[in-house]
C-alpha atoms as a PDB file:
ATOM      1  CA  MET A   1     -15.511 -14.899  12.606  1.00  0.00           C
ATOM      2  CA  THR A   2     -18.837 -14.583  14.418  1.00  0.00           C
ATOM      3  CA  ASP A   3     -21.347 -11.890  13.596  1.00  0.00           C
ATOM      4  CA  ALA A   4     -20.506 -10.004  16.783  1.00  0.00           C
ATOM      5  CA  VAL A   5     -18.132  -7.053  16.465  1.00  0.00           C
ATOM      6  CA  PRO A   6     -16.052  -6.577  19.637  1.00  0.00           C
ATOM      7  CA  ASP A   7     -17.064  -3.658  21.822  1.00  0.00           C
ATOM      8  CA  TRP A   8     -13.490  -2.371  21.854  1.00  0.00           C
ATOM      9  CA  LEU A   9     -13.638  -1.959  18.078  1.00  0.00           C
ATOM     10  CA  THR A  10     -17.104  -0.440  18.095  1.00  0.00           C
ATOM     11  CA  ASP A  11     -16.107   2.018  20.801  1.00  0.00           C
ATOM     12  CA  ALA A  12     -12.704   2.942  19.334  1.00  0.00           C
ATOM     13  CA  ARG A  13     -12.303   6.592  18.445  1.00  0.00           C
ATOM     14  CA  ARG A  14      -8.648   6.650  17.332  1.00  0.00           C
ATOM     15  CA  ILE A  15      -8.080   3.865  14.820  1.00  0.00           C
ATOM     16  CA  THR A  16      -4.839   3.685  12.881  1.00  0.00           C
ATOM     17  CA  VAL A  17      -5.209   1.537   9.783  1.00  0.00           C
ATOM     18  CA  LEU A  18      -2.440  -0.192   7.849  1.00  0.00           C
ATOM     19  CA  THR A  19      -3.385  -1.470   4.404  1.00  0.00           C
ATOM     20  CA  GLY A  20      -1.557  -3.745   2.001  1.00  0.00           C
ATOM     21  CA  ALA A  21      -2.103  -5.177  -1.449  1.00  0.00           C
ATOM     22  CA  GLY A  22      -4.995  -7.361  -0.310  1.00  0.00           C
ATOM     23  CA  ILE A  23      -7.378  -4.428  -0.026  1.00  0.00           C
ATOM     24  CA  SER A  24      -6.941  -3.637  -3.723  1.00  0.00           C
ATOM     25  CA  THR A  25      -7.383  -7.107  -5.212  1.00  0.00           C
ATOM     26  CA  ASP A  26     -11.145  -6.575  -5.536  1.00  0.00           C
ATOM     27  CA  SER A  27     -10.291  -3.597  -7.746  1.00  0.00           C
ATOM     28  CA  GLY A  28      -8.409  -5.890 -10.105  1.00  0.00           C
ATOM     29  CA  ILE A  29      -4.873  -5.214  -8.854  1.00  0.00           C
ATOM     30  CA  PRO A  30      -3.085  -8.490  -8.071  1.00  0.00           C
ATOM     31  CA  ASP A  31      -1.259  -8.875  -4.776  1.00  0.00           C
ATOM     32  CA  TYR A  32       2.373  -9.962  -4.592  1.00  0.00           C
ATOM     33  CA  ARG A  33       2.813 -12.780  -2.095  1.00  0.00           C
ATOM     34  CA  GLY A  34      -0.589 -14.507  -2.078  1.00  0.00           C
ATOM     35  CA  PRO A  35      -1.253 -17.878  -3.732  1.00  0.00           C
ATOM     36  CA  ASP A  36      -1.905 -16.150  -7.062  1.00  0.00           C
ATOM     37  CA  GLY A  37       0.389 -13.193  -6.394  1.00  0.00           C
ATOM     38  CA  VAL A  38       2.634 -11.558  -8.976  1.00  0.00           C
ATOM     39  CA  TRP A  39       5.828 -12.884  -7.367  1.00  0.00           C
ATOM     40  CA  THR A  40       4.323 -16.278  -6.600  1.00  0.00           C
ATOM     41  CA  ARG A  41       3.562 -16.846 -10.264  1.00  0.00           C
ATOM     42  CA  ASP A  42       6.773 -15.242 -11.552  1.00  0.00           C
ATOM     43  CA  PRO A  43       9.547 -14.927  -8.958  1.00  0.00           C
ATOM     44  CA  ASP A  44      11.740 -13.199 -11.553  1.00  0.00           C
ATOM     45  CA  ALA A  45       9.256 -10.299 -11.610  1.00  0.00           C
ATOM     46  CA  GLU A  46      10.628  -9.140  -8.251  1.00  0.00           C
ATOM     47  CA  LYS A  47      13.706  -7.911 -10.112  1.00  0.00           C
ATOM     48  CA  LEU A  48      11.545  -5.262 -11.771  1.00  0.00           C
ATOM     49  CA  VAL A  49      11.075  -3.565  -8.405  1.00  0.00           C
ATOM     50  CA  THR A  50      14.598  -4.092  -7.061  1.00  0.00           C
ATOM     51  CA  LEU A  51      16.676  -0.923  -7.354  1.00  0.00           C
ATOM     52  CA  SER A  52      20.036  -2.551  -8.102  1.00  0.00           C
ATOM     53  CA  TYR A  53      18.631  -4.552 -11.026  1.00  0.00           C
ATOM     54  CA  TYR A  54      16.602  -1.588 -12.269  1.00  0.00           C
ATOM     55  CA  VAL A  55      19.574   0.790 -12.365  1.00  0.00           C
ATOM     56  CA  ALA A  56      21.994  -1.695 -13.895  1.00  0.00           C
ATOM     57  CA  ASP A  57      19.858  -3.230 -16.642  1.00  0.00           C
ATOM     58  CA  ALA A  58      18.019  -1.333 -19.381  1.00  0.00           C
ATOM     59  CA  ASP A  59      16.026  -4.475 -20.219  1.00  0.00           C
ATOM     60  CA  ILE A  60      14.724  -4.615 -16.641  1.00  0.00           C
ATOM     61  CA  ARG A  61      13.607  -0.997 -16.985  1.00  0.00           C
ATOM     62  CA  ARG A  62      11.908  -1.770 -20.298  1.00  0.00           C
ATOM     63  CA  ARG A  63      10.039  -4.677 -18.716  1.00  0.00           C
ATOM     64  CA  ALA A  64       9.137  -2.538 -15.700  1.00  0.00           C
ATOM     65  CA  TRP A  65       7.505   0.119 -17.875  1.00  0.00           C
ATOM     66  CA  LEU A  66       5.574  -2.566 -19.763  1.00  0.00           C
ATOM     67  CA  MET A  67       4.434  -3.988 -16.418  1.00  0.00           C
ATOM     68  CA  ARG A  68       3.156  -0.557 -15.377  1.00  0.00           C
ATOM     69  CA  ARG A  69       1.267  -0.309 -18.653  1.00  0.00           C
ATOM     70  CA  GLU A  70      -0.220  -3.797 -18.333  1.00  0.00           C
ATOM     71  CA  LEU A  71      -1.394  -3.243 -14.759  1.00  0.00           C
ATOM     72  CA  GLY A  72      -3.439  -0.262 -15.976  1.00  0.00           C
ATOM     73  CA  ILE A  73      -3.334   1.432 -12.558  1.00  0.00           C
ATOM     74  CA  GLY A  74      -5.008   4.553 -13.909  1.00  0.00           C
ATOM     75  CA  ASP A  75      -8.061   2.548 -14.996  1.00  0.00           C
ATOM     76  CA  VAL A  76      -8.900   0.826 -11.692  1.00  0.00           C
ATOM     77  CA  ARG A  77     -11.525   2.004  -9.227  1.00  0.00           C
ATOM     78  CA  PRO A  78     -11.825   1.833  -5.432  1.00  0.00           C
ATOM     79  CA  ASN A  79     -13.843  -1.008  -3.944  1.00  0.00           C
ATOM     80  CA  ALA A  80     -15.993  -1.541  -0.853  1.00  0.00           C
ATOM     81  CA  GLY A  81     -12.955  -1.889   1.404  1.00  0.00           C
ATOM     82  CA  HIS A  82     -11.607   1.520   0.397  1.00  0.00           C
ATOM     83  CA  HIS A  83     -15.028   3.108   0.833  1.00  0.00           C
ATOM     84  CA  ALA A  84     -15.435   1.573   4.302  1.00  0.00           C
ATOM     85  CA  LEU A  85     -12.308   3.432   5.396  1.00  0.00           C
ATOM     86  CA  VAL A  86     -13.707   6.672   4.001  1.00  0.00           C
ATOM     87  CA  GLY A  87     -16.750   6.058   6.196  1.00  0.00           C
ATOM     88  CA  LEU A  88     -14.472   5.532   9.190  1.00  0.00           C
ATOM     89  CA  GLU A  89     -12.853   8.918   8.548  1.00  0.00           C
ATOM     90  CA  ARG A  90     -16.201  10.670   8.133  1.00  0.00           C
ATOM     91  CA  ALA A  91     -17.298   9.229  11.461  1.00  0.00           C
ATOM     92  CA  GLY A  92     -14.303  10.956  13.040  1.00  0.00           C
ATOM     93  CA  ARG A  93     -12.721   7.665  14.132  1.00  0.00           C
ATOM     94  CA  LEU A  94      -9.673   7.484  11.845  1.00  0.00           C
ATOM     95  CA  ARG A  95      -6.327   8.509  13.357  1.00  0.00           C
ATOM     96  CA  ALA A  96      -4.297   7.793  10.210  1.00  0.00           C
ATOM     97  CA  LEU A  97      -4.351   5.575   7.144  1.00  0.00           C
ATOM     98  CA  VAL A  98      -0.934   4.058   6.559  1.00  0.00           C
ATOM     99  CA  THR A  99      -0.709   2.209   3.264  1.00  0.00           C
ATOM    100  CA  GLN A 100       1.895   0.012   1.651  1.00  0.00           C
ATOM    101  CA  ASN A 101       0.019   0.384  -1.606  1.00  0.00           C
ATOM    102  CA  VAL A 102       1.136   2.696  -4.393  1.00  0.00           C
ATOM    103  CA  ASP A 103      -2.145   2.705  -6.340  1.00  0.00           C
ATOM    104  CA  GLY A 104      -3.734   5.882  -4.916  1.00  0.00           C
ATOM    105  CA  LEU A 105      -7.095   4.155  -4.475  1.00  0.00           C
ATOM    106  CA  HIS A 106      -7.603   5.450  -0.932  1.00  0.00           C
ATOM    107  CA  GLN A 107      -7.496   9.043  -2.174  1.00  0.00           C
ATOM    108  CA  ALA A 108      -9.623   8.116  -5.200  1.00  0.00           C
ATOM    109  CA  ALA A 109     -12.256   6.722  -2.831  1.00  0.00           C
ATOM    110  CA  GLY A 110     -12.342   9.993  -0.884  1.00  0.00           C
ATOM    111  CA  SER A 111      -9.839   9.548   1.947  1.00  0.00           C
ATOM    112  CA  SER A 112      -8.233  12.873   2.891  1.00  0.00           C
ATOM    113  CA  PRO A 113      -4.700  13.058   1.454  1.00  0.00           C
ATOM    114  CA  GLY A 114      -3.497  14.523   4.738  1.00  0.00           C
ATOM    115  CA  LEU A 115      -4.475  11.335   6.578  1.00  0.00           C
ATOM    116  CA  VAL A 116      -3.001   8.915   4.018  1.00  0.00           C
ATOM    117  CA  LEU A 117       0.639   7.977   4.600  1.00  0.00           C
ATOM    118  CA  GLU A 118       2.034   6.267   1.489  1.00  0.00           C
ATOM    119  CA  VAL A 119       5.077   4.531   2.948  1.00  0.00           C
ATOM    120  CA  HIS A 120       5.997   2.945  -0.387  1.00  0.00           C
ATOM    121  CA  GLY A 121       5.315   6.016  -2.531  1.00  0.00           C
ATOM    122  CA  THR A 122       2.968   6.369  -5.476  1.00  0.00           C
ATOM    123  CA  VAL A 123       2.798   4.848  -8.933  1.00  0.00           C
ATOM    124  CA  HIS A 124       1.126   7.943 -10.333  1.00  0.00           C
ATOM    125  CA  ARG A 125       4.326  10.002 -10.345  1.00  0.00           C
ATOM    126  CA  VAL A 126       7.717   9.433 -11.964  1.00  0.00           C
ATOM    127  CA  GLU A 127      11.013  10.782 -10.664  1.00  0.00           C
ATOM    128  CA  CYS A 128      14.529  11.022 -12.034  1.00  0.00           C
ATOM    129  CA  LEU A 129      16.995   9.049  -9.931  1.00  0.00           C
ATOM    130  CA  ASP A 130      19.723  11.568 -10.804  1.00  0.00           C
ATOM    131  CA  CYS A 131      18.259  15.078 -10.567  1.00  0.00           C
ATOM    132  CA  GLY A 132      14.959  14.370  -8.773  1.00  0.00           C
ATOM    133  CA  ASP A 133      12.752  15.978 -11.438  1.00  0.00           C
ATOM    134  CA  ARG A 134       9.166  14.734 -11.221  1.00  0.00           C
ATOM    135  CA  THR A 135       6.573  14.154 -13.930  1.00  0.00           C
ATOM    136  CA  THR A 136       3.397  12.119 -14.230  1.00  0.00           C
ATOM    137  CA  THR A 137       3.367   8.408 -14.955  1.00  0.00           C
ATOM    138  CA  ALA A 138       0.779   8.992 -17.671  1.00  0.00           C
ATOM    139  CA  GLU A 139       3.202  11.294 -19.483  1.00  0.00           C
ATOM    140  CA  THR A 140       6.035   8.777 -19.237  1.00  0.00           C
ATOM    141  CA  LEU A 141       3.893   5.857 -20.405  1.00  0.00           C
ATOM    142  CA  ALA A 142       2.837   7.971 -23.390  1.00  0.00           C
ATOM    143  CA  ARG A 143       6.521   8.185 -24.285  1.00  0.00           C
ATOM    144  CA  VAL A 144       6.797   4.397 -23.970  1.00  0.00           C
ATOM    145  CA  ASP A 145       3.811   3.994 -26.263  1.00  0.00           C
ATOM    146  CA  ALA A 146       5.424   6.405 -28.724  1.00  0.00           C
ATOM    147  CA  GLY A 147       8.480   4.184 -29.040  1.00  0.00           C
ATOM    148  CA  GLU A 148      10.787   4.987 -26.096  1.00  0.00           C
ATOM    149  CA  PRO A 149      11.155   1.652 -24.274  1.00  0.00           C
ATOM    150  CA  ASP A 150      13.357   3.173 -21.551  1.00  0.00           C
ATOM    151  CA  PRO A 151      12.579   6.920 -21.479  1.00  0.00           C
ATOM    152  CA  ALA A 152      15.280   9.128 -19.968  1.00  0.00           C
ATOM    153  CA  CYS A 153      14.848  12.296 -17.926  1.00  0.00           C
ATOM    154  CA  ARG A 154      14.234  15.273 -20.207  1.00  0.00           C
ATOM    155  CA  VAL A 155      16.046  17.570 -17.785  1.00  0.00           C
ATOM    156  CA  CYS A 156      19.334  15.719 -17.250  1.00  0.00           C
ATOM    157  CA  GLY A 157      19.152  12.453 -19.224  1.00  0.00           C
ATOM    158  CA  GLY A 158      19.083  10.363 -16.040  1.00  0.00           C
ATOM    159  CA  ILE A 159      17.150   7.190 -15.270  1.00  0.00           C
ATOM    160  CA  LEU A 160      13.414   7.565 -14.661  1.00  0.00           C
ATOM    161  CA  LYS A 161      11.479   5.397 -12.205  1.00  0.00           C
ATOM    162  CA  THR A 162       8.007   5.558 -10.754  1.00  0.00           C
ATOM    163  CA  ALA A 163       7.997   7.358  -7.386  1.00  0.00           C
ATOM    164  CA  THR A 164       7.613   4.060  -5.574  1.00  0.00           C
ATOM    165  CA  VAL A 165      10.023   2.597  -3.029  1.00  0.00           C
ATOM    166  CA  SER A 166      11.829  -0.335  -4.599  1.00  0.00           C
ATOM    167  CA  PHE A 167      13.681  -3.077  -2.768  1.00  0.00           C
ATOM    168  CA  GLY A 168      17.047  -1.657  -1.802  1.00  0.00           C
ATOM    169  CA  GLN A 169      15.706   1.906  -1.718  1.00  0.00           C
ATOM    170  CA  ALA A 170      15.240   3.844   1.519  1.00  0.00           C
ATOM    171  CA  LEU A 171      11.795   4.752   2.788  1.00  0.00           C
ATOM    172  CA  ASP A 172      10.926   8.411   3.205  1.00  0.00           C
ATOM    173  CA  GLY A 173      11.982   9.082   6.795  1.00  0.00           C
ATOM    174  CA  ALA A 174       9.335  11.727   7.423  1.00  0.00           C
ATOM    175  CA  VAL A 175       6.515   9.460   6.221  1.00  0.00           C
ATOM    176  CA  LEU A 176       7.793   6.549   8.293  1.00  0.00           C
ATOM    177  CA  ASP A 177       8.120   8.739  11.390  1.00  0.00           C
ATOM    178  CA  ALA A 178       4.518   9.896  10.942  1.00  0.00           C
ATOM    179  CA  ALA A 179       3.404   6.264  10.632  1.00  0.00           C
ATOM    180  CA  VAL A 180       5.233   5.296  13.836  1.00  0.00           C
ATOM    181  CA  THR A 181       3.624   8.234  15.653  1.00  0.00           C
ATOM    182  CA  ALA A 182       0.173   7.177  14.421  1.00  0.00           C
ATOM    183  CA  ALA A 183       0.764   3.573  15.526  1.00  0.00           C
ATOM    184  CA  ALA A 184       1.789   4.766  18.987  1.00  0.00           C
ATOM    185  CA  ASP A 185      -1.192   7.115  19.253  1.00  0.00           C
ATOM    186  CA  CYS A 186      -4.242   4.933  18.673  1.00  0.00           C
ATOM    187  CA  ASP A 187      -6.611   2.738  20.633  1.00  0.00           C
ATOM    188  CA  VAL A 188      -6.971   0.203  17.798  1.00  0.00           C
ATOM    189  CA  PHE A 189      -4.424  -0.771  15.148  1.00  0.00           C
ATOM    190  CA  LEU A 190      -6.190  -2.364  12.180  1.00  0.00           C
ATOM    191  CA  ALA A 191      -4.073  -4.203   9.592  1.00  0.00           C
ATOM    192  CA  VAL A 192      -5.950  -4.967   6.375  1.00  0.00           C
ATOM    193  CA  GLY A 193      -4.782  -7.025   3.424  1.00  0.00           C
ATOM    194  CA  THR A 194      -1.136  -7.113   4.400  1.00  0.00           C
ATOM    195  CA  SER A 195       1.114 -10.095   5.027  1.00  0.00           C
ATOM    196  CA  LEU A 196       2.889  -8.121   7.781  1.00  0.00           C
ATOM    197  CA  GLY A 197       6.109  -9.641   6.523  1.00  0.00           C
ATOM    198  CA  VAL A 198       7.971  -6.548   5.340  1.00  0.00           C
ATOM    199  CA  HIS A 199       9.841  -4.452   7.875  1.00  0.00           C
ATOM    200  CA  PRO A 200      10.027  -1.786   9.123  1.00  0.00           C
ATOM    201  CA  VAL A 201       6.353  -1.261   8.243  1.00  0.00           C
ATOM    202  CA  ALA A 202       5.225  -4.569   9.789  1.00  0.00           C
ATOM    203  CA  GLY A 203       6.848  -3.399  13.016  1.00  0.00           C
ATOM    204  CA  LEU A 204       4.159  -0.746  13.380  1.00  0.00           C
ATOM    205  CA  THR A 205       2.068  -3.583  14.817  1.00  0.00           C
ATOM    206  CA  ASP A 206       4.616  -4.013  17.608  1.00  0.00           C
ATOM    207  CA  VAL A 207       4.607  -0.259  18.260  1.00  0.00           C
ATOM    208  CA  ALA A 208       0.831  -0.186  18.613  1.00  0.00           C
ATOM    209  CA  ALA A 209       0.653  -3.254  20.850  1.00  0.00           C
ATOM    210  CA  ALA A 210       3.450  -1.947  23.071  1.00  0.00           C
ATOM    211  CA  THR A 211       1.487   1.230  23.768  1.00  0.00           C
ATOM    212  CA  GLY A 212      -1.652  -0.696  24.723  1.00  0.00           C
ATOM    213  CA  ALA A 213      -3.638  -0.572  21.485  1.00  0.00           C
ATOM    214  CA  ARG A 214      -5.842  -3.480  20.470  1.00  0.00           C
ATOM    215  CA  VAL A 215      -4.688  -5.167  17.252  1.00  0.00           C
ATOM    216  CA  ALA A 216      -7.072  -6.446  14.580  1.00  0.00           C
ATOM    217  CA  ILE A 217      -5.943  -8.217  11.415  1.00  0.00           C
ATOM    218  CA  VAL A 218      -8.089  -8.750   8.336  1.00  0.00           C
ATOM    219  CA  ASN A 219      -6.168 -10.846   5.816  1.00  0.00           C
ATOM    220  CA  ALA A 220      -6.775 -13.900   3.661  1.00  0.00           C
ATOM    221  CA  GLU A 221      -3.574 -15.667   4.725  1.00  0.00           C
ATOM    222  CA  PRO A 222      -1.931 -16.120   8.170  1.00  0.00           C
ATOM    223  CA  THR A 223       0.540 -13.452   9.254  1.00  0.00           C
ATOM    224  CA  PRO A 224       3.446 -13.490  11.730  1.00  0.00           C
ATOM    225  CA  TYR A 225       1.370 -11.271  14.028  1.00  0.00           C
ATOM    226  CA  ASP A 226      -1.780 -13.395  14.316  1.00  0.00           C
ATOM    227  CA  ASP A 227      -0.828 -14.619  17.797  1.00  0.00           C
ATOM    228  CA  LEU A 228      -0.400 -11.030  18.979  1.00  0.00           C
ATOM    229  CA  ALA A 229      -3.744  -9.878  17.576  1.00  0.00           C
ATOM    230  CA  ASP A 230      -6.924  -9.441  19.590  1.00  0.00           C
ATOM    231  CA  LEU A 231      -8.977 -10.191  16.483  1.00  0.00           C
ATOM    232  CA  VAL A 232      -8.119 -12.092  13.292  1.00  0.00           C
ATOM    233  CA  VAL A 233     -10.569 -12.134  10.388  1.00  0.00           C
ATOM    234  CA  ARG A 234     -10.181 -14.375   7.343  1.00  0.00           C
ATOM    235  CA  GLU A 235     -13.318 -13.251   5.510  1.00  0.00           C
ATOM    236  CA  PRO A 236     -13.016 -11.408   2.173  1.00  0.00           C
ATOM    237  CA  ILE A 237     -12.024  -7.813   2.851  1.00  0.00           C
ATOM    238  CA  GLY A 238     -14.793  -6.344   0.693  1.00  0.00           C
ATOM    239  CA  THR A 239     -17.440  -7.845   2.984  1.00  0.00           C
ATOM    240  CA  ALA A 240     -15.610  -8.054   6.318  1.00  0.00           C
ATOM    241  CA  LEU A 241     -14.294  -4.504   6.518  1.00  0.00           C
ATOM    242  CA  PRO A 242     -17.606  -2.681   5.940  1.00  0.00           C
ATOM    243  CA  ARG A 243     -19.231  -4.895   8.582  1.00  0.00           C
ATOM    244  CA  LEU A 244     -16.469  -4.405  11.127  1.00  0.00           C
ATOM    245  CA  LEU A 245     -16.515  -0.623  10.709  1.00  0.00           C
ATOM    246  CA  ALA A 246     -20.242  -0.090  10.266  1.00  0.00           C
ATOM    247  CA  ALA A 247     -20.641   0.913  13.898  1.00  0.00           C
END
């Protein structure tokens, strides 16, 4: 990319942002599909976030809780990319922040919770798949540490899972509808750190382009939407995003 930032990005006043795992790698959270991604290194790990395997196999659940502990989500901090998006909001230019991430780092950086649409849920809460009771992940991991490898719901005895959307599990319709509305109601659609390979969320790019929005993609690897984009940036997100949004 050249040093020049396109006028259409500088002048944009309604930017809808879609973020994926790539924006959080500088915070120490590995991505999934990149060259060193979690599933690239261990394809079997995908079973830990696949609902059918999770429900059917107590050992999968045990491994999933250990994975949550090892990732140490509660110990990570936002990075320059997250803070650049806070600056975009404070400048009054952010329409919505749609994220595929479950780490809560946008809110930790200072993004308004009302503008953040977590289409894949949050890792900071745990829900019972049977009765829907919710608790904190910290509380559940404390039970794991105390010797419960597969803690059950204390209300009904059902299976507990982080409040994240697993493969084979439906997205929250209201959150997805809000994301579609935001994609259709912006002058720039900015995709950051996402492979744009998972639908229906990747299809937000189509929605934005169909309504006349410019599309910008900041991602380390090629995406299926690069040919559609008005701007593609391959620079590291932590340096590229602050520069693109500084105006």
